[in-house]
């Protein structure tokens, strides 16, 4: 009897951990999905740019013609915007953003078109 209780208890205990991990992963994915297409402000309330992607634990922000990569630990959600908190090295953020751009964007090459349009 005691053995049955121990076996059932251990099965319940270990299965609860799997569900928690699965729920944590789903919550994290939903959190990341909700971070794109939002304006990003700095600590002074100035607009930094617009969030365009999340790459692992880096938020990619389009700022003018540049892309910035900011770690998610420096991002805080406001109502409709995102806030960059703490000190972020702009040079390093530009390097990370440019690396993401090079890896994510691919140049489209078109075949030469004949005079007939074919």
N, C-alpha and C. Protein backbone atom coordinates (compact mmCIF):
# COMPACT_ATOMS: atom_id res chain seq x y z
N UNK A 1 0.82 -1.19 0.00
CA UNK A 1 0.00 0.00 0.00
C UNK A 1 0.86 1.25 0.00
N UNK A 2 1.86 1.26 0.86
CA UNK A 2 2.75 2.42 0.94
C UNK A 2 3.52 2.60 -0.36
N UNK A 3 3.90 1.49 -0.96
CA UNK A 3 4.65 1.56 -2.22
C UNK A 3 3.78 2.18 -3.31
N UNK A 4 2.50 1.80 -3.37
CA UNK A 4 1.58 2.36 -4.35
C UNK A 4 1.44 3.87 -4.17
N UNK A 5 1.32 4.30 -2.93
CA UNK A 5 1.19 5.74 -2.64
C UNK A 5 2.45 6.47 -3.08
N UNK A 6 3.61 5.88 -2.79
CA UNK A 6 4.87 6.51 -3.19
C UNK A 6 4.99 6.60 -4.71
N UNK A 7 4.63 5.53 -5.40
CA UNK A 7 4.71 5.52 -6.86
C UNK A 7 3.75 6.55 -7.45
N UNK A 8 2.51 6.54 -7.00
CA UNK A 8 1.52 7.49 -7.52
C UNK A 8 1.91 8.93 -7.18
N UNK A 9 2.42 9.12 -5.99
CA UNK A 9 2.85 10.46 -5.58
C UNK A 9 4.01 10.96 -6.42
N UNK A 10 4.97 10.08 -6.71
CA UNK A 10 6.12 10.50 -7.52
C UNK A 10 5.71 10.77 -8.97
N UNK A 11 4.78 9.99 -9.50
CA UNK A 11 4.29 10.23 -10.86
C UNK A 11 3.60 11.59 -10.91
N UNK A 12 2.76 11.88 -9.95
CA UNK A 12 2.06 13.17 -9.90
C UNK A 12 3.06 14.30 -9.76
N UNK A 13 4.03 14.14 -8.89
CA UNK A 13 5.03 15.18 -8.65
C UNK A 13 5.82 15.50 -9.91
N UNK A 14 6.30 14.45 -10.61
CA UNK A 14 7.12 14.67 -11.80
C UNK A 14 6.28 15.17 -12.97
N UNK A 15 5.04 14.75 -13.10
CA UNK A 15 4.20 15.22 -14.20
C UNK A 15 3.83 16.69 -14.02
N UNK A 16 3.71 17.16 -12.78
CA UNK A 16 3.43 18.58 -12.52
C UNK A 16 4.56 19.46 -13.02
N UNK A 17 5.77 19.03 -12.87
CA UNK A 17 6.93 19.79 -13.32
C UNK A 17 6.94 19.97 -14.82
N UNK A 18 6.57 18.93 -15.55
CA UNK A 18 6.53 19.01 -17.01
C UNK A 18 5.49 20.03 -17.45
N UNK A 19 4.33 20.02 -16.84
CA UNK A 19 3.28 20.97 -17.21
C UNK A 19 3.71 22.40 -16.93
N UNK A 20 4.37 22.61 -15.81
CA UNK A 20 4.83 23.96 -15.48
C UNK A 20 5.83 24.45 -16.51
N UNK A 21 6.76 23.60 -16.88
CA UNK A 21 7.75 23.99 -17.88
C UNK A 21 7.09 24.30 -19.21
N UNK A 22 6.12 23.51 -19.61
CA UNK A 22 5.42 23.73 -20.87
C UNK A 22 4.65 25.05 -20.81
N UNK A 23 3.98 25.33 -19.70
CA UNK A 23 3.26 26.58 -19.55
C UNK A 23 4.20 27.77 -19.54
N UNK A 24 5.36 27.64 -18.89
CA UNK A 24 6.34 28.72 -18.87
C UNK A 24 6.83 29.04 -20.27
N UNK A 25 7.07 28.01 -21.07
CA UNK A 25 7.53 28.20 -22.44
C UNK A 25 6.46 28.90 -23.26
N UNK A 26 5.20 28.48 -23.11
CA UNK A 26 4.10 29.13 -23.84
C UNK A 26 3.94 30.58 -23.42
N UNK A 27 4.05 30.86 -22.11
CA UNK A 27 3.95 32.24 -21.62
C UNK A 27 5.07 33.09 -22.19
N UNK A 28 6.28 32.55 -22.24
CA UNK A 28 7.42 33.29 -22.78
C UNK A 28 7.23 33.58 -24.26
N UNK A 29 6.72 32.60 -25.02
CA UNK A 29 6.49 32.80 -26.45
C UNK A 29 5.42 33.87 -26.67
N UNK A 30 4.34 33.84 -25.89
CA UNK A 30 3.30 34.86 -26.01
C UNK A 30 3.85 36.24 -25.65
N UNK A 31 4.68 36.31 -24.62
CA UNK A 31 5.30 37.57 -24.22
C UNK A 31 6.13 38.12 -25.37
N UNK A 32 6.94 37.27 -26.01
CA UNK A 32 7.79 37.70 -27.11
C UNK A 32 6.96 38.16 -28.32
N UNK A 33 5.86 37.45 -28.61
CA UNK A 33 5.01 37.84 -29.73
C UNK A 33 4.38 39.21 -29.51
N UNK A 34 4.07 39.54 -28.26
CA UNK A 34 3.44 40.81 -27.95
C UNK A 34 4.40 41.99 -27.95
N UNK A 35 5.67 41.75 -28.15
CA UNK A 35 6.65 42.83 -28.11
C UNK A 35 6.88 43.50 -29.45
N UNK A 36 6.43 42.90 -30.54
CA UNK A 36 6.70 43.48 -31.85
C UNK A 36 5.64 44.50 -32.24
N UNK A 37 6.01 45.36 -33.19
CA UNK A 37 5.14 46.41 -33.74
C UNK A 37 4.70 47.40 -32.66
N UNK A 38 5.62 47.74 -31.78
CA UNK A 38 5.31 48.71 -30.72
C UNK A 38 6.41 49.76 -30.69
N UNK A 39 6.04 50.99 -30.36
CA UNK A 39 7.04 52.04 -30.23
C UNK A 39 7.87 51.79 -28.99
N UNK A 40 9.16 52.10 -29.11
CA UNK A 40 10.10 51.90 -28.01
C UNK A 40 10.62 53.27 -27.58
N UNK A 41 10.54 53.54 -26.28
CA UNK A 41 10.97 54.81 -25.72
C UNK A 41 12.15 54.58 -24.80
N UNK A 42 13.00 55.62 -24.64
CA UNK A 42 14.08 55.52 -23.68
C UNK A 42 13.60 56.03 -22.32
N UNK A 43 14.47 56.06 -21.34
CA UNK A 43 14.11 56.47 -19.99
C UNK A 43 13.59 57.89 -19.90
N UNK A 44 13.96 58.75 -20.87
CA UNK A 44 13.51 60.14 -20.88
C UNK A 44 12.19 60.33 -21.61
N UNK A 45 11.67 59.24 -22.16
CA UNK A 45 10.41 59.33 -22.89
C UNK A 45 10.58 59.65 -24.36
N UNK A 46 11.84 59.71 -24.85
CA UNK A 46 12.09 59.96 -26.26
C UNK A 46 11.96 58.66 -27.06
N UNK A 47 11.42 58.79 -28.26
CA UNK A 47 11.21 57.63 -29.11
C UNK A 47 12.55 57.13 -29.64
N UNK A 48 12.81 55.84 -29.42
CA UNK A 48 14.02 55.19 -29.92
C UNK A 48 13.74 54.62 -31.30
N UNK A 49 12.58 54.02 -31.48
CA UNK A 49 12.22 53.39 -32.75
C UNK A 49 11.01 52.50 -32.56
N UNK A 50 10.90 51.50 -33.43
CA UNK A 50 9.78 50.56 -33.37
C UNK A 50 10.32 49.14 -33.32
N UNK A 51 9.75 48.33 -32.45
CA UNK A 51 10.20 46.94 -32.33
C UNK A 51 9.72 46.15 -33.54
N UNK A 52 10.64 45.40 -34.14
CA UNK A 52 10.31 44.66 -35.35
C UNK A 52 10.45 43.16 -35.20
N UNK A 53 11.24 42.70 -34.23
CA UNK A 53 11.44 41.25 -34.07
C UNK A 53 12.02 40.95 -32.70
N UNK A 54 11.92 39.68 -32.34
CA UNK A 54 12.58 39.17 -31.15
C UNK A 54 13.44 38.00 -31.60
N UNK A 55 14.73 38.10 -31.32
CA UNK A 55 15.68 37.05 -31.71
C UNK A 55 16.28 36.48 -30.43
N UNK A 56 15.79 35.32 -30.03
CA UNK A 56 16.16 34.69 -28.76
C UNK A 56 15.84 35.64 -27.61
N UNK A 57 16.83 36.21 -26.97
CA UNK A 57 16.56 37.11 -25.85
C UNK A 57 16.92 38.57 -26.19
N UNK A 58 16.88 38.89 -27.49
CA UNK A 58 17.22 40.23 -27.98
C UNK A 58 16.01 40.82 -28.70
N UNK A 59 15.65 42.05 -28.34
CA UNK A 59 14.60 42.78 -29.04
C UNK A 59 15.27 43.59 -30.14
N UNK A 60 14.77 43.45 -31.38
CA UNK A 60 15.30 44.20 -32.51
C UNK A 60 14.42 45.42 -32.72
N UNK A 61 15.06 46.60 -32.74
CA UNK A 61 14.35 47.87 -32.87
C UNK A 61 14.84 48.56 -34.13
N UNK A 62 13.90 48.98 -34.99
CA UNK A 62 14.25 49.77 -36.18
C UNK A 62 14.25 51.23 -35.76
N UNK A 63 15.41 51.85 -35.86
CA UNK A 63 15.57 53.24 -35.48
C UNK A 63 16.11 53.99 -36.68
N UNK A 64 15.23 54.67 -37.40
CA UNK A 64 15.65 55.32 -38.65
C UNK A 64 16.04 54.26 -39.65
N UNK A 65 17.28 54.37 -40.17
CA UNK A 65 17.77 53.37 -41.12
C UNK A 65 18.56 52.26 -40.42
N UNK A 66 18.74 52.38 -39.12
CA UNK A 66 19.54 51.42 -38.35
C UNK A 66 18.65 50.44 -37.60
N UNK A 67 19.24 49.30 -37.27
CA UNK A 67 18.59 48.31 -36.42
C UNK A 67 19.41 48.19 -35.14
N UNK A 68 18.70 48.16 -34.01
CA UNK A 68 19.35 48.05 -32.71
C UNK A 68 18.93 46.74 -32.06
N UNK A 69 19.86 46.10 -31.39
CA UNK A 69 19.56 44.88 -30.64
C UNK A 69 19.71 45.15 -29.15
N UNK A 70 18.61 45.04 -28.43
CA UNK A 70 18.62 45.33 -26.99
C UNK A 70 18.16 44.08 -26.23
N UNK A 71 18.92 43.65 -25.22
CA UNK A 71 18.50 42.47 -24.45
C UNK A 71 17.13 42.67 -23.81
N UNK A 72 16.33 41.62 -23.79
CA UNK A 72 14.99 41.70 -23.22
C UNK A 72 14.99 42.09 -21.76
N UNK A 73 16.08 41.81 -21.06
CA UNK A 73 16.13 42.17 -19.64
C UNK A 73 16.15 43.69 -19.46
N UNK A 74 16.43 44.44 -20.53
CA UNK A 74 16.41 45.91 -20.47
C UNK A 74 15.09 46.49 -20.98
N UNK A 75 14.14 45.63 -21.30
CA UNK A 75 12.86 46.09 -21.87
C UNK A 75 11.76 45.93 -20.84
N UNK A 76 10.96 46.96 -20.70
CA UNK A 76 9.82 46.94 -19.79
C UNK A 76 8.57 47.34 -20.58
N UNK A 77 7.49 46.60 -20.37
CA UNK A 77 6.24 46.90 -21.07
C UNK A 77 5.50 48.03 -20.37
N UNK A 78 5.10 49.00 -21.15
CA UNK A 78 4.17 50.02 -20.68
C UNK A 78 2.83 49.66 -21.32
N UNK A 79 1.86 50.53 -21.27
CA UNK A 79 0.55 50.18 -21.84
C UNK A 79 0.65 49.82 -23.31
N UNK A 80 0.97 50.81 -24.15
CA UNK A 80 1.04 50.56 -25.59
C UNK A 80 2.45 50.65 -26.13
N UNK A 81 3.40 50.98 -25.30
CA UNK A 81 4.78 51.15 -25.74
C UNK A 81 5.70 50.25 -24.93
N UNK A 82 6.95 50.24 -25.34
CA UNK A 82 7.99 49.53 -24.61
C UNK A 82 8.99 50.56 -24.13
N UNK A 83 9.58 50.31 -22.99
CA UNK A 83 10.52 51.23 -22.38
C UNK A 83 11.86 50.54 -22.21
N UNK A 84 12.93 51.20 -22.70
CA UNK A 84 14.28 50.68 -22.49
C UNK A 84 14.74 51.20 -21.14
N UNK A 85 15.01 50.29 -20.22
CA UNK A 85 15.44 50.70 -18.89
C UNK A 85 16.91 50.37 -18.70
N UNK A 86 17.55 51.11 -17.85
CA UNK A 86 18.97 50.88 -17.59
C UNK A 86 19.84 51.45 -18.69
N UNK A 87 21.12 51.25 -18.54
CA UNK A 87 22.08 51.75 -19.52
C UNK A 87 22.29 50.70 -20.60
N UNK A 88 22.19 51.15 -21.84
CA UNK A 88 22.42 50.28 -22.98
C UNK A 88 23.49 50.94 -23.85
N UNK A 89 24.52 50.18 -24.20
CA UNK A 89 25.56 50.72 -25.06
C UNK A 89 25.05 50.78 -26.49
N UNK A 90 24.92 52.01 -27.01
CA UNK A 90 24.35 52.19 -28.34
C UNK A 90 25.21 51.53 -29.42
N UNK A 91 26.54 51.63 -29.30
CA UNK A 91 27.42 51.01 -30.31
C UNK A 91 27.22 49.50 -30.36
N UNK A 92 27.15 48.89 -29.20
CA UNK A 92 26.95 47.44 -29.13
C UNK A 92 25.56 47.06 -29.65
N UNK A 93 24.55 47.87 -29.33
CA UNK A 93 23.19 47.62 -29.81
C UNK A 93 23.14 47.69 -31.33
N UNK A 94 23.88 48.63 -31.92
CA UNK A 94 23.92 48.74 -33.38
C UNK A 94 24.61 47.54 -34.01
N UNK A 95 25.66 47.05 -33.39
CA UNK A 95 26.37 45.87 -33.90
C UNK A 95 25.45 44.65 -33.88
N UNK A 96 24.75 44.46 -32.78
CA UNK A 96 23.82 43.32 -32.65
C UNK A 96 22.69 43.45 -33.67
N UNK A 97 22.14 44.65 -33.82
CA UNK A 97 21.06 44.87 -34.77
C UNK A 97 21.49 44.66 -36.21
N UNK A 98 22.68 45.13 -36.55
CA UNK A 98 23.20 44.94 -37.90
C UNK A 98 23.46 43.46 -38.19
N UNK A 99 23.97 42.74 -37.20
CA UNK A 99 24.19 41.30 -37.36
C UNK A 99 22.86 40.60 -37.63
N UNK A 100 21.82 40.97 -36.88
CA UNK A 100 20.49 40.37 -37.10
C UNK A 100 20.00 40.69 -38.50
N UNK A 101 20.18 41.95 -38.94
CA UNK A 101 19.71 42.35 -40.26
C UNK A 101 20.38 41.54 -41.35
N UNK A 102 21.70 41.38 -41.26
CA UNK A 102 22.44 40.61 -42.27
C UNK A 102 21.98 39.16 -42.32
N UNK A 103 21.69 38.58 -41.15
CA UNK A 103 21.27 37.18 -41.11
C UNK A 103 19.82 37.00 -41.54
N UNK A 104 18.98 38.00 -41.31
CA UNK A 104 17.55 37.86 -41.55
C UNK A 104 17.10 38.31 -42.94
N UNK A 105 17.79 39.29 -43.48
CA UNK A 105 17.41 39.81 -44.79
C UNK A 105 18.25 39.13 -45.84
N UNK A 106 17.63 38.74 -46.93
CA UNK A 106 18.39 38.18 -48.03
C UNK A 106 18.07 38.98 -49.29
N UNK A 107 19.08 39.22 -50.05
CA UNK A 107 18.92 40.01 -51.27
C UNK A 107 18.18 39.17 -52.30
N UNK A 108 17.21 39.80 -52.95
CA UNK A 108 16.45 39.12 -53.99
C UNK A 108 17.09 39.45 -55.33
N UNK A 109 17.45 38.44 -56.07
CA UNK A 109 18.02 38.65 -57.39
C UNK A 109 17.03 38.14 -58.42
N UNK A 110 16.72 39.01 -59.36
CA UNK A 110 15.78 38.67 -60.42
C UNK A 110 16.55 38.25 -61.66
N UNK A 111 16.00 37.29 -62.39
CA UNK A 111 16.60 36.90 -63.66
C UNK A 111 16.36 38.02 -64.67
N UNK A 112 17.25 38.13 -65.62
CA UNK A 112 17.07 39.15 -66.66
C UNK A 112 15.82 38.81 -67.46
N UNK A 113 15.06 39.85 -67.75
CA UNK A 113 13.82 39.67 -68.50
C UNK A 113 14.07 39.99 -69.96
N UNK A 114 13.60 39.12 -70.86
CA UNK A 114 13.72 39.38 -72.30
C UNK A 114 12.85 40.56 -72.68
N UNK A 115 13.04 41.06 -73.88
CA UNK A 115 12.26 42.19 -74.35
C UNK A 115 10.78 41.85 -74.48
N UNK A 116 10.45 40.56 -74.55
CA UNK A 116 9.04 40.13 -74.62
C UNK A 116 8.41 40.09 -73.26
N UNK A 117 9.18 40.34 -72.21
CA UNK A 117 8.64 40.30 -70.86
C UNK A 117 8.63 38.91 -70.27
N UNK A 118 9.31 37.99 -70.91
CA UNK A 118 9.35 36.60 -70.45
C UNK A 118 10.69 36.31 -69.83
